[in-house]
């Protein structure tokens, strides 16, 4: 019961639009981030789930990654010196 006879039906339709919008947003985000980590997922049954981020001890520190890429580039350029 509410302010009008259609209140419950209107509320239900509004809720369905919000949920559908969130589902579409999650699907679009998953497509955009298909190659990397994304914490929100839409299951086949339509439920939205989250996953924990990768273990920071497994993921390289940014500084370590930069150092390794510089070392690799330096090694590669030294190999071409004649």
N, C-alpha and C. Protein backbone atom coordinates (compact mmCIF):
# COMPACT_ATOMS: atom_id res chain seq x y z
N UNK A 1 0.85 -1.17 0.00
CA UNK A 1 0.00 0.00 0.00
C UNK A 1 0.90 1.23 0.00
N UNK A 2 0.46 2.27 -0.65
CA UNK A 2 1.23 3.49 -0.72
C UNK A 2 0.34 4.65 -1.11
N UNK A 3 0.94 5.72 -1.65
CA UNK A 3 0.18 6.91 -2.01
C UNK A 3 -0.82 6.67 -3.13
N UNK A 4 -0.63 5.64 -3.94
CA UNK A 4 -1.58 5.36 -5.02
C UNK A 4 -1.72 3.85 -5.17
N UNK A 5 -2.68 3.43 -5.95
CA UNK A 5 -2.91 2.01 -6.16
C UNK A 5 -1.77 1.37 -6.96
N UNK A 6 -1.10 2.13 -7.78
CA UNK A 6 -0.02 1.61 -8.61
C UNK A 6 1.35 1.72 -7.93
N UNK A 7 1.40 2.18 -6.68
CA UNK A 7 2.65 2.44 -5.99
C UNK A 7 3.58 1.23 -5.96
N UNK A 8 3.07 0.07 -5.59
CA UNK A 8 3.90 -1.13 -5.48
C UNK A 8 4.45 -1.52 -6.84
N UNK A 9 3.60 -1.50 -7.84
CA UNK A 9 4.03 -1.87 -9.21
C UNK A 9 5.06 -0.88 -9.74
N UNK A 10 4.85 0.40 -9.51
CA UNK A 10 5.80 1.41 -9.95
C UNK A 10 7.15 1.26 -9.22
N UNK A 11 7.09 0.97 -7.94
CA UNK A 11 8.32 0.77 -7.17
C UNK A 11 9.08 -0.45 -7.67
N UNK A 12 8.36 -1.53 -7.96
CA UNK A 12 9.00 -2.75 -8.46
C UNK A 12 9.66 -2.49 -9.80
N UNK A 13 8.97 -1.80 -10.70
CA UNK A 13 9.54 -1.49 -12.02
C UNK A 13 10.78 -0.59 -11.88
N UNK A 14 10.72 0.38 -10.99
CA UNK A 14 11.87 1.24 -10.77
C UNK A 14 13.07 0.46 -10.24
N UNK A 15 12.81 -0.46 -9.33
CA UNK A 15 13.88 -1.30 -8.79
C UNK A 15 14.49 -2.17 -9.90
N UNK A 16 13.65 -2.75 -10.73
CA UNK A 16 14.14 -3.59 -11.83
C UNK A 16 15.01 -2.78 -12.79
N UNK A 17 14.66 -1.53 -13.05
CA UNK A 17 15.48 -0.68 -13.92
C UNK A 17 16.85 -0.41 -13.30
N UNK A 18 16.87 -0.16 -12.00
CA UNK A 18 18.14 0.08 -11.31
C UNK A 18 19.03 -1.16 -11.37
N UNK A 19 18.46 -2.31 -11.06
CA UNK A 19 19.23 -3.56 -11.07
C UNK A 19 19.72 -3.86 -12.48
N UNK A 20 18.87 -3.67 -13.49
CA UNK A 20 19.28 -3.91 -14.87
C UNK A 20 20.40 -2.95 -15.27
N UNK A 21 20.32 -1.71 -14.84
CA UNK A 21 21.37 -0.74 -15.14
C UNK A 21 22.70 -1.15 -14.51
N UNK A 22 22.65 -1.62 -13.27
CA UNK A 22 23.89 -2.08 -12.62
C UNK A 22 24.46 -3.29 -13.34
N UNK A 23 23.60 -4.22 -13.74
CA UNK A 23 24.09 -5.40 -14.48
C UNK A 23 24.79 -4.99 -15.77
N UNK A 24 24.18 -4.07 -16.50
CA UNK A 24 24.78 -3.60 -17.75
C UNK A 24 26.11 -2.88 -17.48
N UNK A 25 26.17 -2.12 -16.41
CA UNK A 25 27.41 -1.41 -16.06
C UNK A 25 28.52 -2.40 -15.73
N UNK A 26 28.19 -3.45 -15.00
CA UNK A 26 29.19 -4.45 -14.64
C UNK A 26 29.64 -5.20 -15.89
N UNK A 27 28.71 -5.56 -16.76
CA UNK A 27 29.08 -6.25 -18.01
C UNK A 27 30.02 -5.38 -18.85
N UNK A 28 29.71 -4.10 -18.96
CA UNK A 28 30.56 -3.20 -19.74
C UNK A 28 31.94 -3.07 -19.11
N UNK A 29 31.99 -2.98 -17.80
CA UNK A 29 33.27 -2.86 -17.11
C UNK A 29 34.09 -4.14 -17.28
N UNK A 30 33.44 -5.29 -17.22
CA UNK A 30 34.15 -6.55 -17.41
C UNK A 30 34.72 -6.65 -18.82
N UNK A 31 33.96 -6.21 -19.80
CA UNK A 31 34.48 -6.24 -21.17
C UNK A 31 35.67 -5.30 -21.32
N UNK A 32 35.58 -4.15 -20.70
CA UNK A 32 36.67 -3.16 -20.79
C UNK A 32 37.93 -3.63 -20.08
N UNK A 33 37.78 -4.44 -19.07
CA UNK A 33 38.92 -4.89 -18.27
C UNK A 33 39.15 -6.39 -18.39
N UNK A 34 38.83 -6.95 -19.55
CA UNK A 34 38.91 -8.40 -19.73
C UNK A 34 40.31 -8.95 -19.50
N UNK A 35 41.34 -8.18 -19.80
CA UNK A 35 42.70 -8.67 -19.68
C UNK A 35 43.32 -8.51 -18.30
N UNK A 36 42.69 -7.79 -17.41
CA UNK A 36 43.31 -7.52 -16.12
C UNK A 36 42.38 -7.77 -14.97
N UNK A 37 42.81 -7.35 -13.79
CA UNK A 37 42.02 -7.53 -12.58
C UNK A 37 40.85 -6.55 -12.53
N UNK A 38 39.73 -7.05 -12.16
CA UNK A 38 38.55 -6.22 -11.92
C UNK A 38 37.78 -6.85 -10.77
N UNK A 39 37.46 -6.13 -9.71
CA UNK A 39 36.90 -6.75 -8.51
C UNK A 39 35.43 -7.13 -8.56
N UNK A 40 34.67 -6.66 -9.55
CA UNK A 40 33.24 -6.92 -9.60
C UNK A 40 32.93 -7.80 -10.81
N UNK A 41 32.11 -8.82 -10.59
CA UNK A 41 31.79 -9.76 -11.66
C UNK A 41 30.30 -10.07 -11.67
N UNK A 42 29.76 -10.37 -12.84
CA UNK A 42 28.37 -10.75 -13.00
C UNK A 42 28.34 -12.22 -13.36
N UNK A 43 27.73 -13.04 -12.50
CA UNK A 43 27.63 -14.47 -12.75
C UNK A 43 26.58 -14.77 -13.80
N UNK A 44 26.58 -16.01 -14.31
CA UNK A 44 25.61 -16.42 -15.32
C UNK A 44 24.17 -16.31 -14.83
N UNK A 45 23.96 -16.47 -13.53
CA UNK A 45 22.60 -16.39 -12.99
C UNK A 45 22.17 -14.95 -12.69
N UNK A 46 23.06 -13.98 -12.99
CA UNK A 46 22.70 -12.57 -12.83
C UNK A 46 23.09 -11.95 -11.51
N UNK A 47 23.74 -12.70 -10.62
CA UNK A 47 24.16 -12.13 -9.35
C UNK A 47 25.50 -11.41 -9.51
N UNK A 48 25.67 -10.35 -8.75
CA UNK A 48 26.90 -9.57 -8.78
C UNK A 48 27.78 -10.04 -7.63
N UNK A 49 29.03 -10.37 -7.92
CA UNK A 49 29.97 -10.82 -6.90
C UNK A 49 31.25 -10.00 -6.97
N UNK A 50 32.05 -10.07 -5.92
CA UNK A 50 33.34 -9.40 -5.90
C UNK A 50 34.43 -10.42 -5.63
N UNK A 51 35.64 -10.10 -6.04
CA UNK A 51 36.78 -10.96 -5.75
C UNK A 51 37.87 -10.13 -5.12
N UNK A 52 38.67 -10.78 -4.29
CA UNK A 52 39.74 -10.07 -3.60
C UNK A 52 40.84 -9.67 -4.58
N UNK A 53 41.56 -8.61 -4.27
CA UNK A 53 42.67 -8.20 -5.14
C UNK A 53 43.79 -9.23 -5.07
N UNK A 54 44.70 -9.21 -6.04
CA UNK A 54 45.82 -10.14 -6.01
C UNK A 54 46.67 -9.94 -4.75
N UNK A 55 47.36 -10.99 -4.35
CA UNK A 55 48.23 -10.94 -3.18
C UNK A 55 49.38 -9.98 -3.46
N UNK A 56 49.54 -8.95 -2.65
CA UNK A 56 50.60 -7.97 -2.92
C UNK A 56 52.00 -8.57 -2.87
N UNK A 57 52.17 -9.69 -2.19
CA UNK A 57 53.47 -10.34 -2.13
C UNK A 57 53.81 -11.04 -3.44
N UNK A 58 52.79 -11.33 -4.26
CA UNK A 58 53.01 -12.01 -5.53
C UNK A 58 53.21 -10.99 -6.65
N UNK A 59 52.52 -9.86 -6.56
CA UNK A 59 52.59 -8.83 -7.58
C UNK A 59 53.87 -8.01 -7.38
N UNK A 60 54.58 -7.76 -8.46
CA UNK A 60 55.82 -6.98 -8.36
C UNK A 60 55.53 -5.56 -7.90
N UNK A 61 56.41 -5.04 -7.09
CA UNK A 61 56.37 -3.64 -6.71
C UNK A 61 56.66 -2.80 -7.96
N UNK A 62 56.08 -1.64 -8.09
CA UNK A 62 56.28 -0.78 -9.25
C UNK A 62 57.76 -0.48 -9.46
N UNK A 63 58.47 -0.20 -8.39
CA UNK A 63 59.90 0.10 -8.50
C UNK A 63 60.66 -1.11 -9.04
N UNK A 64 60.33 -2.29 -8.54
CA UNK A 64 60.99 -3.51 -9.03
C UNK A 64 60.73 -3.70 -10.52
N UNK A 65 59.50 -3.44 -10.93
CA UNK A 65 59.15 -3.59 -12.35
C UNK A 65 59.92 -2.62 -13.22
N UNK A 66 60.07 -1.38 -12.76
CA UNK A 66 60.83 -0.38 -13.53
C UNK A 66 62.30 -0.79 -13.61
N UNK A 67 62.86 -1.21 -12.49
CA UNK A 67 64.26 -1.63 -12.48
C UNK A 67 64.50 -2.80 -13.44
N UNK A 68 63.59 -3.77 -13.43
CA UNK A 68 63.75 -4.94 -14.30
C UNK A 68 63.62 -4.55 -15.77
N UNK A 69 62.69 -3.63 -16.09
CA UNK A 69 62.54 -3.23 -17.50
C UNK A 69 63.74 -2.42 -17.97
N UNK A 70 64.32 -1.57 -17.13
CA UNK A 70 65.52 -0.81 -17.48
C UNK A 70 66.69 -1.77 -17.68
N UNK A 71 66.83 -2.73 -16.79
CA UNK A 71 67.92 -3.70 -16.91
C UNK A 71 67.78 -4.51 -18.19
N UNK A 72 66.56 -4.91 -18.53
CA UNK A 72 66.33 -5.67 -19.76
C UNK A 72 66.64 -4.83 -20.99
N UNK A 73 66.25 -3.55 -20.97
CA UNK A 73 66.50 -2.67 -22.10
C UNK A 73 68.00 -2.41 -22.25
N UNK A 74 68.69 -2.24 -21.13
CA UNK A 74 70.14 -2.01 -21.17
C UNK A 74 70.86 -3.24 -21.70
N UNK A 75 70.47 -4.40 -21.26
CA UNK A 75 71.07 -5.65 -21.72
C UNK A 75 70.83 -5.83 -23.23
N UNK A 76 69.63 -5.52 -23.66
CA UNK A 76 69.30 -5.66 -25.08
C UNK A 76 70.10 -4.68 -25.92
N UNK A 77 70.25 -3.43 -25.45
CA UNK A 77 70.98 -2.44 -26.24
C UNK A 77 72.48 -2.76 -26.25
N UNK A 78 73.02 -3.33 -25.19
CA UNK A 78 74.43 -3.72 -25.16
C UNK A 78 74.70 -4.87 -26.09
N UNK A 79 73.72 -5.72 -26.30
CA UNK A 79 73.89 -6.87 -27.19
C UNK A 79 74.04 -6.42 -28.64
N UNK A 80 73.51 -5.24 -28.97
CA UNK A 80 73.56 -4.73 -30.35
C UNK A 80 74.75 -3.83 -30.63
N UNK A 81 75.56 -3.54 -29.61
CA UNK A 81 76.72 -2.67 -29.81
C UNK A 81 77.77 -3.45 -30.59
N UNK A 82 78.30 -2.83 -31.66
CA UNK A 82 79.29 -3.50 -32.52
C UNK A 82 80.64 -2.85 -32.37
